[in-house]
Protein backbone atom coordinates (compact mmCIF):
# COMPACT_ATOMS: atom_id res chain seq x y z
CA MET A 1 92.72 56.44 362.01
CA VAL A 2 94.75 59.36 360.66
CA ALA A 3 97.89 58.06 362.36
CA VAL A 4 97.40 54.65 360.72
CA THR A 5 97.01 56.24 357.29
CA LEU A 6 100.14 58.34 357.79
CA LEU A 7 102.04 55.27 358.95
CA GLN A 8 100.87 53.31 355.90
CA ARG A 9 102.04 56.08 353.59
CA ALA A 10 105.41 56.27 355.30
CA LEU A 11 105.86 52.50 355.02
CA ALA A 12 104.87 52.56 351.35
CA ARG A 13 107.45 55.30 350.66
CA ALA A 14 110.13 53.39 352.54
CA ALA A 15 109.33 50.22 350.59
CA SER A 16 109.52 52.05 347.27
CA ILE A 17 112.91 53.53 348.22
CA VAL A 18 114.21 50.07 349.12
CA VAL A 19 113.06 48.74 345.74
CA MET A 20 114.77 51.62 343.92
CA LEU A 21 118.03 51.06 345.80
CA SER A 22 118.06 47.26 345.56
CA PRO A 23 120.38 45.53 343.05
CA LEU A 24 119.09 44.99 339.55
CA SER A 25 116.76 42.05 339.20
CA ASP A 26 117.58 39.13 336.91
CA VAL A 27 115.09 40.40 334.34
CA THR A 28 116.71 43.82 334.28
CA GLN A 29 120.17 42.32 333.95
CA GLN A 30 118.98 40.17 331.05
CA GLN A 31 117.69 43.31 329.35
CA LEU A 32 121.20 44.77 329.58
CA GLN A 33 122.73 41.85 327.68
CA LEU A 34 123.91 42.41 324.14
CA THR A 35 123.72 39.70 321.51
CA ASP A 36 126.41 38.75 319.04
CA LYS A 37 124.26 40.41 316.38
CA ASP A 38 124.39 43.72 318.29
CA ASN A 39 128.18 43.59 318.49
CA GLN A 40 128.46 42.62 314.82
CA MET A 41 126.34 45.64 313.87
CA VAL A 42 128.84 47.97 315.56
CA GLN A 43 131.78 46.16 313.99
CA MET A 44 130.14 46.53 310.58
CA ALA A 45 129.59 50.24 311.20
CA PHE A 46 133.31 50.71 311.88
CA ARG A 47 134.22 48.57 308.86
CA ASP A 48 131.92 50.58 306.59
CA PHE A 49 133.42 53.80 307.92
CA ASP A 50 136.92 52.53 307.15
CA LEU A 51 135.78 51.63 303.63
CA LYS A 52 134.35 55.16 303.19
CA ARG A 53 130.77 53.85 302.98
CA LEU A 54 129.62 56.67 305.20
CA ASP A 55 125.87 56.40 304.61
CA ASP A 56 125.86 52.72 305.55
CA SER A 57 128.08 53.42 308.53
CA ASP A 58 125.77 56.16 309.78
CA LYS A 59 122.70 53.91 309.48
CA GLU A 60 124.43 51.12 311.39
CA PHE A 61 125.68 53.42 314.14
CA THR A 62 122.20 54.94 314.44
CA ALA A 63 120.61 51.48 314.73
CA ALA A 64 123.23 50.43 317.30
CA ILE A 65 122.67 53.56 319.38
CA LYS A 66 118.94 52.95 319.37
CA ARG A 67 119.50 49.33 320.43
CA TRP A 68 121.91 50.33 323.20
CA LYS A 69 119.38 52.84 324.53
CA ASN A 70 116.54 50.30 324.37
CA LEU A 71 118.67 47.88 326.38
CA HIS A 72 119.42 50.62 328.93
CA ARG A 73 123.15 50.07 328.46
CA PRO A 74 125.53 52.24 330.51
CA ARG A 75 125.71 55.85 329.44
CA ASP A 76 129.43 55.69 328.63
CA GLU A 77 128.79 52.99 326.02
CA VAL A 78 126.08 55.05 324.36
CA VAL A 79 128.30 58.14 324.40
CA SER A 80 131.12 56.18 322.77
CA LEU A 81 128.81 55.11 319.96
CA LEU A 82 127.57 58.69 319.53
CA LYS A 83 131.15 59.95 319.29
CA ALA A 84 132.06 57.28 316.78
CA ARG A 85 129.07 58.12 314.61
């Protein structure tokens, strides 16, 4: 009985490791997708910065960073937005 329970636990751990190491599911990959609106927001932030509208630029960069984080975008993209802000 104890051996069966230990075996079940070991199999459950192995299964969870396989799930963690498997490629991203379609749902997860869809969550990573940016929309045209997301890209336009970043473009507008850069445009506002160039036009010296710094408050607007900061708000747009902040909103874009939040969106990028919510979409679980790659860390280098988020860091680039943080640097630009």
